[in-house]
Amino acid sequence: MEAQRAETDLYQTSFILYIAIDDLLPVRGKSVPGLDEFAAALDHHGIPAVWLTNRTRLQIDEPRRKLAHTHPFIAEDGCGVFLPEDYFHLRPQSSTSKPRGTDTVRLGRFTCLPIAEQQPAASDALEAVAAETGVSVVSLRSLPPRELAQNTNLPPREAELARQRDFDELFFFAGASQKDVEHFQAAGRSRNIQLRQRGVLWSLAIGASVRRCVGELSKLYDRALRSHARTVAISTPGQGEGLFAVCDRAILLRDKTDHPPDESSMQATRQSHRVMELPLLRDDTWDQLLATLSAKR
């Protein structure tokens, strides 16, 4: 029912938000002040908000319930698009860029548009690259519960959800030098493998792409709206490089304690004059952001 109501609200909007939520909704601790009110205001105005996260569909389940999020989300950092049941009432169009023979798969309560290869492809690839390079790695999947909680710095239940991946494989290097890591990365690139560092942990995926996730989902929105919906990205520093590059407009939420962004990664986006910067923790930031969005309608 919620998904059907969300689809009805689509006809009220002319743009779609893509929000990188991992800094806004941390795994541990409270969400950024004002985010829940902002989410409610978006629903009131009929503005779809697609979440982008490094987490799995299982990890994101509780935050979605807390904020009453009924729209699609992109999980595991560009590995797949998850659609609530009956959200669009239509199937994604076939894409010649997809290596797989199916458009969608059913994962839990969601219809998923897979962009990366599903497990166990990433798990098998991790073993293959480790064997090829001779670099020692340890996957989270292989750890007993106590060591899993220690290495993820999460309570046991959350740690278990973190390793139940649909697409990517989380691991860490065991006693590897910087040269070993670079050798491993080079071997991964030759296999179309994406390696993303997350603190002491790494993610390995095959075919992950935020650009393709946003592109495929935007096509579905355009079909539902029967017109082109503009895309607006919202992110904190370090989370939105790939997202900013593919959206029509971008809003960067910056904390005073943030380090200056990597100029090489942000230069092209800044030169296009598509990025608005707002302070993350100021009291009126979310109201200002909502006013900016309302002015674009």
Foldseek 3Di string as FASTA:
>chain_A
DLLVLLLVLLLQAQAAEEEACCQQPPLDDHGFPPPLVLLVVCVVSSHQYEYEYLFAPLSCVVVCVVSVHQAWYAYNHQFKIWGAPPNQVDFFDDDPPDPDDDQWDDDPRTTIGGQFDWPPVQVVVVVVLCVVLVFDKAWLVPDDQVVQCVVVVHPSVSSVSRQPHGFKTKMATDPDDPVSVVSSVVSQVVQQWDWDDDDRMIIIIHRGAPLVNCVRVQVSSCVSNVHHHFYEYEYEAPRCLRVLVNGPAYEYAYEPPDDDHDCVSCVVSVVVVRYHYDHRRDPCRSVVVVVVSVVVD
